[in-house]
Amino acid sequence: MKQAKSDARDWVDPDFFNGRAVADRGFWKFVLRQIIPARGQSTHLTVSGLMLITIALGVGVTAYNSGSNILFLSLSLVLSTLILSGVLSVINFRKVTWRLVLPSELRAGSLASARLYVQNRKRLFPTFGIWFNTKAGERAPRVRLQIEEPLPTHGEVELEWRFRPERRGPLLLELSGVESKYPFGFIRKTLGGVRRHTAWVWPQRVDYYFRPARGEKYLVSGELLEKAGRGDDLVKVRGYVPGDPLRMIHWKATARVGRLQVREVAEEVESAYYLQLETGKALWRDEAIFERFCSTALSLAEDFFHQNRLLGYAVNNDAPVQIRTMSDLHGFFDVLSRLEMSADIKRSGRSYGQEWIGFQPSKEGGILIHAGEHPAGQVVA
């Protein structure tokens, strides 16, 4: 089996759970591994397996007391069934590899879908009846991802793991190896221990309204307009970034360069803004209001970015960070997913101009939005 990849998104092969590759070369090493399993591997009897051993003990005692050859043959058949079950269960897991790919983004309250790719690299034997135990969140129930059909030789199957993060912040994802009761259901063999990975969940969107005092366009949550400007003055031609509107593609420049190029034109009226994020406990009364504030910042940033009205952001007294590309925007969402209230942080002493948007709680438990020193919108609790 090959070494596990270092990428945290790809969990590959049974030995990835052990943190090292374990070789099965040599017959006696292979037999020893079945008697003394490697870390993360186990074999347990099922209820039917316990019943079969009980029957075998009864038949064996009766055979020795009576000296009946038929009972000895029956005992041999029962024991050979157990041995065959163990051998076939080992073959069933041989050269089976898997790879888990997590979604590129996770949002609180939104359904996420991860992909588990399982491949059977054996030349002669298919793989039957294996499943994976998954868990998204410490309090979430375990979800079984099972391969319903036999996996043929050199075949691959894709399993979908769907889960819904409940809140912003760290999310513990757990993959508990692979199990099977093949072939007769007498034993349950487990290969691989528990592998955990912490993913970060972005805040969920909230409904808001935003109307600055300067009489600009009235903006409501969800109005995702084009990212490029809507004027006629060409600013520059640049490389295409995922999320750019197709109508802004500069086809002549694309043909000349050999890759997609887009036009950037000047905005006509609407202004651009920086977002000021304050995290002090003196401002936010409790966690619920702070979570609503993080969701408000994400919603405004996402809408402003698609309108080419987002300049950047600043956290407390830190220097402003510019946002120019979709990657920068996702980096800002990552910052929001890790944002925490702190008693040691004081209000920023930054001088707010009209290009700065600030947030503060309202008496009703909502969020007030300010452009400079003037009210510009709010989120109702």
Protein backbone atom coordinates (compact mmCIF):
# COMPACT_ATOMS: atom_id res chain seq x y z
CA MET A 1 0.00 0.00 0.00
CA LYS A 2 1.26 3.45 -0.81
CA GLN A 3 2.14 6.13 1.67
CA ALA A 4 -0.59 8.52 2.72
CA LYS A 5 -0.69 11.94 1.14
CA SER A 6 0.14 14.92 3.29
CA ASP A 7 -2.87 16.93 2.09
CA ALA A 8 -5.40 17.12 4.94
CA ARG A 9 -8.27 16.91 2.43
CA ASP A 10 -7.20 13.52 1.06
CA TRP A 11 -7.34 10.56 3.44
CA VAL A 12 -5.88 7.70 1.47
CA ASP A 13 -5.45 3.97 2.13
CA PRO A 14 -6.00 1.92 5.31
CA ASP A 15 -2.47 2.60 6.58
CA PHE A 16 -3.13 6.34 6.53
CA PHE A 17 -4.99 5.85 9.81
CA ASN A 18 -1.92 4.24 11.36
CA GLY A 19 0.40 7.06 10.37
CA ARG A 20 2.83 4.63 8.73
CA ALA A 21 2.87 1.99 6.01
CA VAL A 22 2.69 -1.59 7.26
CA ALA A 23 4.07 -4.22 4.89
CA ASP A 24 2.56 -7.69 4.58
CA ARG A 25 5.48 -9.19 2.69
CA GLY A 26 6.20 -12.75 3.66
CA PHE A 27 3.77 -15.49 4.64
CA TRP A 28 4.67 -15.66 8.33
CA LYS A 29 4.55 -11.87 8.73
CA PHE A 30 1.11 -11.96 7.18
CA VAL A 31 -0.02 -14.72 9.57
CA LEU A 32 1.45 -12.87 12.56
CA ARG A 33 -0.43 -9.74 11.58
CA GLN A 34 -3.69 -11.71 11.65
CA ILE A 35 -2.92 -12.95 15.19
CA ILE A 36 -1.54 -9.61 16.44
CA PRO A 37 -3.32 -6.97 14.36
CA ALA A 38 -1.68 -3.64 13.59
CA ARG A 39 -2.88 -0.52 15.30
CA GLY A 40 -6.42 0.43 14.27
CA GLN A 41 -7.35 -3.09 13.12
CA SER A 42 -9.72 -5.39 14.95
CA THR A 43 -11.91 -8.46 14.44
CA HIS A 44 -15.06 -9.04 16.49
CA LEU A 45 -17.59 -11.81 16.53
CA THR A 46 -21.14 -10.90 15.61
CA VAL A 47 -24.20 -12.41 17.30
CA SER A 48 -24.43 -15.08 14.61
CA GLY A 49 -20.71 -15.78 15.06
CA LEU A 50 -21.15 -16.28 18.80
CA MET A 51 -24.05 -18.63 18.12
CA LEU A 52 -21.93 -20.59 15.63
CA ILE A 53 -19.12 -21.04 18.18
CA THR A 54 -21.63 -22.09 20.81
CA ILE A 55 -23.01 -24.69 18.41
CA ALA A 56 -19.45 -25.83 17.60
CA LEU A 57 -18.68 -26.31 21.30
CA GLY A 58 -21.86 -28.32 21.78
CA VAL A 59 -21.20 -30.48 18.74
CA GLY A 60 -17.56 -31.00 19.82
CA VAL A 61 -18.47 -32.11 23.35
CA THR A 62 -21.15 -34.43 22.02
CA ALA A 63 -18.76 -35.85 19.40
CA TYR A 64 -16.07 -36.65 21.95
CA ASN A 65 -18.59 -38.26 24.32
CA SER A 66 -20.29 -40.35 21.65
CA GLY A 67 -17.38 -40.96 19.27
CA SER A 68 -19.68 -40.27 16.31
CA ASN A 69 -17.83 -39.64 13.05
CA ILE A 70 -20.78 -37.67 11.67
CA LEU A 71 -20.56 -35.24 14.58
CA PHE A 72 -16.81 -34.88 14.04
CA LEU A 73 -17.47 -34.11 10.38
CA SER A 74 -20.08 -31.55 11.43
CA LEU A 75 -17.57 -29.96 13.84
CA SER A 76 -14.97 -29.80 11.07
CA LEU A 77 -17.50 -28.12 8.78
CA VAL A 78 -18.34 -25.48 11.40
CA LEU A 79 -14.68 -24.74 12.17
CA SER A 80 -13.74 -24.60 8.48
CA THR A 81 -16.58 -22.12 7.94
CA LEU A 82 -15.09 -19.81 10.58
CA ILE A 83 -11.59 -20.14 9.10
CA LEU A 84 -12.88 -19.53 5.58
CA SER A 85 -14.79 -16.50 6.81
CA GLY A 86 -11.60 -15.04 8.30
CA VAL A 87 -9.53 -15.71 5.16
CA LEU A 88 -12.12 -14.20 2.83
CA SER A 89 -12.51 -11.14 5.06
CA VAL A 90 -8.76 -10.52 4.80
CA ILE A 91 -8.85 -10.91 1.00
CA ASN A 92 -11.86 -8.59 0.87
CA PHE A 93 -9.80 -5.67 2.25
CA ARG A 94 -6.64 -6.34 0.25
CA LYS A 95 -5.62 -3.53 -2.14
CA VAL A 96 -8.67 -1.43 -1.35
CA THR A 97 -7.83 2.28 -1.26
CA TRP A 98 -9.96 5.33 -0.62
CA ARG A 99 -9.72 9.09 -0.85
CA LEU A 100 -11.91 11.64 0.92
CA VAL A 101 -12.29 15.07 -0.71
CA LEU A 102 -13.93 17.75 1.41
CA PRO A 103 -15.98 20.61 -0.08
CA SER A 104 -14.06 23.79 -0.91
CA GLU A 105 -16.26 25.86 1.40
CA LEU A 106 -18.47 25.22 4.42
CA ARG A 107 -21.21 27.63 5.51
CA ALA A 108 -23.23 27.46 8.69
CA GLY A 109 -26.74 26.23 8.03
CA SER A 110 -25.96 25.17 4.44
CA LEU A 111 -25.81 21.61 3.19
CA ALA A 112 -22.27 20.42 2.40
CA SER A 113 -21.27 17.45 0.30
CA ALA A 114 -17.98 15.55 0.59
CA ARG A 115 -16.89 12.84 -1.83
CA LEU A 116 -15.39 9.49 -0.85
CA TYR A 117 -13.72 7.62 -3.72
CA VAL A 118 -13.13 3.90 -3.12
CA GLN A 119 -11.05 1.77 -5.51
CA ASN A 120 -10.47 -1.98 -5.66
CA ARG A 121 -7.01 -2.71 -7.08
CA LYS A 122 -7.18 -6.48 -6.83
CA ARG A 123 -6.78 -8.51 -10.00
CA LEU A 124 -8.93 -11.54 -9.18
CA PHE A 125 -11.38 -10.85 -6.35
CA PRO A 126 -14.10 -8.21 -6.09
CA THR A 127 -14.81 -6.44 -2.81
CA PHE A 128 -18.14 -6.93 -1.05
CA GLY A 129 -20.16 -5.22 1.65
CA ILE A 130 -17.80 -2.60 3.08
CA TRP A 131 -18.83 0.63 4.76
CA PHE A 132 -17.28 3.73 6.33
CA ASN A 133 -18.36 5.41 9.57
CA THR A 134 -18.40 9.21 9.36
CA LYS A 135 -19.24 11.98 11.78
CA ALA A 136 -19.51 15.78 11.30
CA GLY A 137 -19.41 17.50 14.68
CA GLU A 138 -18.86 16.19 18.19
CA ARG A 139 -22.59 15.89 18.96
CA ALA A 140 -23.68 14.72 15.53
CA PRO A 141 -24.74 11.09 15.02
CA ARG A 142 -22.56 8.74 13.02
CA VAL A 143 -23.45 8.28 9.38
CA ARG A 144 -22.66 5.04 7.55
CA LEU A 145 -21.45 5.28 3.95
CA GLN A 146 -21.98 1.82 2.52
CA ILE A 147 -21.10 0.34 -0.86
CA GLU A 148 -24.31 -1.42 -1.84
CA GLU A 149 -23.03 -3.25 -4.93
CA PRO A 150 -19.91 -5.45 -5.23
CA LEU A 151 -16.86 -3.44 -6.23
CA PRO A 152 -15.31 -5.25 -9.23
CA THR A 153 -11.60 -5.68 -9.85
CA HIS A 154 -9.94 -2.40 -10.81
CA GLY A 155 -13.28 -0.73 -10.18
CA GLU A 156 -14.00 2.55 -8.42
CA VAL A 157 -17.10 3.90 -6.74
CA GLU A 158 -17.98 7.37 -5.48
CA LEU A 159 -19.86 7.81 -2.19
CA GLU A 160 -21.46 11.10 -1.13
CA TRP A 161 -21.21 12.27 2.46
CA ARG A 162 -23.76 15.00 3.13
CA PHE A 163 -23.82 17.02 6.32
CA ARG A 164 -25.01 20.43 7.51
CA PRO A 165 -22.73 22.50 9.82
CA GLU A 166 -24.78 24.06 12.58
CA ARG A 167 -22.68 27.10 13.41
CA ARG A 168 -19.64 29.17 12.49
CA GLY A 169 -16.20 28.08 13.66
CA PRO A 170 -14.30 24.80 13.88
CA LEU A 171 -16.04 21.62 12.77
CA LEU A 172 -14.60 18.24 13.73
CA LEU A 173 -14.86 15.75 10.86
CA GLU A 174 -14.27 12.10 11.66
CA LEU A 175 -13.73 9.08 9.43
CA SER A 176 -13.70 5.83 11.44
CA GLY A 177 -11.98 3.46 9.07
CA VAL A 178 -13.72 0.79 7.04
CA GLU A 179 -15.73 -2.24 8.23
CA SER A 180 -17.27 -5.36 6.73
CA LYS A 181 -19.13 -8.52 7.78
CA TYR A 182 -18.27 -10.33 4.57
CA PRO A 183 -18.65 -13.16 3.74
CA PHE A 184 -21.05 -14.95 6.14
CA GLY A 185 -21.74 -12.30 8.77
CA PHE A 186 -20.01 -14.28 11.53
CA ILE A 187 -17.26 -11.72 12.15
CA ARG A 188 -17.01 -7.95 11.78
CA LYS A 189 -13.57 -6.90 10.61
CA THR A 190 -12.44 -3.29 11.05
CA LEU A 191 -9.48 -1.85 9.19
CA GLY A 192 -8.10 1.56 10.18
CA GLY A 193 -8.57 3.57 13.33
CA VAL A 194 -10.18 6.99 13.74
CA ARG A 195 -8.94 9.88 11.64
CA ARG A 196 -10.04 13.41 12.59
CA HIS A 197 -9.74 16.67 10.73
CA THR A 198 -10.84 20.15 11.83
CA ALA A 199 -12.50 22.25 9.12
CA TRP A 200 -13.56 25.87 9.50
CA VAL A 201 -17.13 26.92 8.80
CA TRP A 202 -17.99 30.34 7.41
CA PRO A 203 -20.89 32.34 8.91
CA GLN A 204 -24.29 32.02 7.33
CA ARG A 205 -25.90 34.87 5.42
CA VAL A 206 -28.50 37.14 7.02
CA ASP A 207 -31.09 39.53 5.60
CA TYR A 208 -30.25 43.23 5.88
CA TYR A 209 -30.77 46.56 4.19
CA PHE A 210 -28.14 49.18 3.41
CA ARG A 211 -28.78 52.77 2.26
CA PRO A 212 -26.04 55.33 2.92
CA ALA A 213 -26.88 58.96 3.65
CA ARG A 214 -25.35 60.11 0.35
CA GLY A 215 -28.32 58.82 -1.59
CA GLU A 216 -26.65 55.88 -3.26
CA LYS A 217 -28.41 52.77 -4.48
CA TYR A 218 -30.62 51.05 -1.92
CA LEU A 219 -29.08 47.63 -1.33
CA VAL A 220 -30.98 44.63 0.01
CA SER A 221 -29.45 41.31 1.05
CA GLY A 222 -28.93 38.97 -1.86
CA GLU A 223 -28.54 41.57 -4.63
CA LEU A 224 -25.46 39.99 -6.19
CA LEU A 225 -24.65 42.18 -9.18
CA GLU A 226 -21.78 41.90 -11.62
CA LYS A 227 -18.30 42.08 -10.18
CA ALA A 228 -16.93 44.42 -12.85
CA GLY A 229 -18.05 48.02 -13.18
CA ARG A 230 -20.97 49.07 -15.34
CA GLY A 231 -19.52 52.26 -16.81
CA ASP A 232 -18.02 52.84 -20.25
CA ASP A 233 -14.51 53.95 -19.23
CA LEU A 234 -12.02 51.09 -19.59
CA VAL A 235 -9.63 50.92 -16.66
CA LYS A 236 -7.52 47.91 -17.64
CA VAL A 237 -7.55 44.39 -19.09
CA ARG A 238 -6.62 41.60 -16.68
CA GLY A 239 -6.71 37.83 -16.38
CA TYR A 240 -10.01 36.07 -15.78
CA VAL A 241 -10.89 35.23 -12.16
CA PRO A 242 -13.68 32.73 -11.33
CA GLY A 243 -16.77 34.80 -10.62
CA ASP A 244 -16.19 37.42 -13.35
CA PRO A 245 -19.25 37.94 -15.60
CA LEU A 246 -18.88 36.42 -19.05
CA ARG A 247 -20.05 39.61 -20.73
CA MET A 248 -16.88 41.36 -19.52
CA ILE A 249 -14.54 38.96 -21.40
CA HIS A 250 -12.24 40.81 -23.82
CA TRP A 251 -12.17 38.37 -26.72
CA LYS A 252 -9.48 40.11 -28.76
CA ALA A 253 -7.09 40.16 -25.80
CA THR A 254 -8.02 36.55 -25.04
CA ALA A 255 -7.10 35.47 -28.58
CA ARG A 256 -3.85 37.42 -28.46
CA VAL A 257 -2.69 36.14 -25.04
CA GLY A 258 -4.10 32.62 -25.30
CA ARG A 259 -6.06 32.67 -22.03
CA LEU A 260 -9.22 34.41 -20.85
CA GLN A 261 -8.94 38.17 -20.30
CA VAL A 262 -11.64 40.48 -18.89
CA ARG A 263 -12.28 44.22 -19.08
CA GLU A 264 -12.40 46.34 -15.93
CA VAL A 265 -14.44 49.50 -16.35
CA ALA A 266 -14.99 52.38 -13.98
CA GLU A 267 -17.97 52.50 -11.67
CA GLU A 268 -20.26 55.42 -12.36
CA VAL A 269 -21.85 56.32 -9.04
CA GLU A 270 -21.55 53.74 -6.31
CA SER A 271 -18.76 54.06 -3.77
CA ALA A 272 -16.53 51.33 -2.35
CA TYR A 273 -16.00 50.56 1.33
CA TYR A 274 -13.74 49.06 3.94
CA LEU A 275 -15.28 46.92 6.70
CA GLN A 276 -14.15 47.60 10.27
CA LEU A 277 -14.45 44.57 12.56
CA GLU A 278 -14.47 45.18 16.31
CA THR A 279 -14.24 42.11 18.56
CA GLY A 280 -14.14 43.57 22.08
CA LYS A 281 -16.55 42.23 24.69
CA ALA A 282 -17.25 45.80 25.74
CA LEU A 283 -19.12 46.24 22.46
CA TRP A 284 -20.85 42.87 22.01
CA ARG A 285 -23.00 41.67 24.89
CA ASP A 286 -23.19 37.95 24.17
CA GLU A 287 -22.25 35.24 21.69
CA ALA A 288 -25.57 35.30 19.83
CA ILE A 289 -25.21 38.97 18.87
CA PHE A 290 -21.55 38.45 17.98
CA GLU A 291 -22.51 35.59 15.64
CA ARG A 292 -25.09 37.82 13.99
CA PHE A 293 -22.41 40.48 13.53
CA CYS A 294 -20.10 37.97 11.78
CA SER A 295 -22.95 36.93 9.48
CA THR A 296 -23.70 40.59 8.68
CA ALA A 297 -20.06 41.25 7.77
CA LEU A 298 -20.01 38.22 5.47
CA SER A 299 -23.27 39.19 3.75
CA LEU A 300 -22.17 42.78 3.11
CA ALA A 301 -18.70 41.74 1.94
CA GLU A 302 -20.08 39.16 -0.49
CA ASP A 303 -22.59 41.57 -2.01
CA PHE A 304 -20.15 44.48 -2.20
CA PHE A 305 -17.52 42.28 -3.85
CA HIS A 306 -19.85 41.25 -6.65
CA GLN A 307 -20.65 44.96 -7.21
CA ASN A 308 -16.96 45.93 -7.20
CA ARG A 309 -17.61 48.06 -4.09
CA LEU A 310 -15.43 46.23 -1.57
CA LEU A 311 -12.01 47.72 -0.84
CA GLY A 312 -10.98 45.56 2.10
CA TYR A 313 -11.30 45.10 5.85
CA ALA A 314 -9.54 45.70 9.14
CA VAL A 315 -9.78 43.79 12.42
CA ASN A 316 -9.61 46.03 15.50
CA ASN A 317 -6.39 48.09 15.31
CA ASP A 318 -4.72 45.97 12.61
CA ALA A 319 -3.70 47.48 9.31
CA PRO A 320 -6.32 47.35 6.55
CA VAL A 321 -6.23 44.34 4.21
CA GLN A 322 -7.27 44.85 0.62
CA ILE A 323 -9.66 42.49 -1.18
CA ARG A 324 -9.19 42.29 -4.94
CA THR A 325 -9.85 38.69 -5.98
CA MET A 326 -12.20 35.88 -5.08
CA SER A 327 -9.33 34.26 -3.21
CA ASP A 328 -8.95 37.40 -1.07
CA LEU A 329 -12.68 37.34 -0.34
CA HIS A 330 -12.54 33.70 0.77
CA GLY A 331 -9.55 34.60 2.93
CA PHE A 332 -11.73 37.22 4.61
CA PHE A 333 -14.42 34.58 5.19
CA ASP A 334 -11.75 32.38 6.80
CA VAL A 335 -10.92 35.29 9.13
CA LEU A 336 -14.60 35.58 10.05
CA SER A 337 -14.79 31.84 10.77
CA ARG A 338 -11.98 32.22 13.35
CA LEU A 339 -13.11 35.53 14.85
CA GLU A 340 -13.65 35.51 18.63
CA MET A 341 -14.70 38.04 21.24
CA SER A 342 -11.93 39.23 23.53
CA ALA A 343 -12.06 41.13 26.80
CA ASP A 344 -8.58 42.55 26.20
CA ILE A 345 -9.45 44.32 22.96
CA LYS A 346 -10.48 47.98 23.10
CA ARG A 347 -12.39 49.95 20.49
CA SER A 348 -10.32 50.98 17.51
CA GLY A 349 -9.14 54.57 17.53
CA ARG A 350 -9.21 54.72 13.73
CA SER A 351 -10.74 57.84 12.22
CA TYR A 352 -13.78 56.72 10.28
CA GLY A 353 -14.44 58.30 6.91
CA GLN A 354 -17.41 57.67 4.66
CA GLU A 355 -15.55 54.75 3.06
CA TRP A 356 -15.50 52.83 6.36
CA ILE A 357 -18.43 50.66 7.47
CA GLY A 358 -18.75 49.83 11.15
CA PHE A 359 -21.10 47.63 13.16
CA GLN A 360 -22.64 47.80 16.61
CA PRO A 361 -25.50 46.03 18.42
CA SER A 362 -28.97 47.55 18.59
CA LYS A 363 -31.19 47.58 21.66
CA GLU A 364 -33.48 44.99 20.07
CA GLY A 365 -30.64 42.50 19.59
CA GLY A 366 -30.01 43.32 15.93
CA ILE A 367 -27.01 44.86 14.19
CA LEU A 368 -26.69 48.54 13.23
CA ILE A 369 -24.59 49.37 10.16
CA HIS A 370 -22.77 52.71 9.94
CA ALA A 371 -21.05 54.34 6.97
CA GLY A 372 -18.58 56.64 8.63
CA GLU A 373 -20.43 58.24 11.53
CA HIS A 374 -23.87 58.05 9.90
CA PRO A 375 -26.45 55.21 10.14
CA ALA A 376 -26.65 53.30 6.87
CA GLY A 377 -28.65 50.13 7.55
CA GLN A 378 -29.38 47.36 9.98
CA VAL A 379 -30.12 43.69 10.56
CA VAL A 380 -33.27 42.96 12.52
CA ALA A 381 -33.04 40.23 15.15
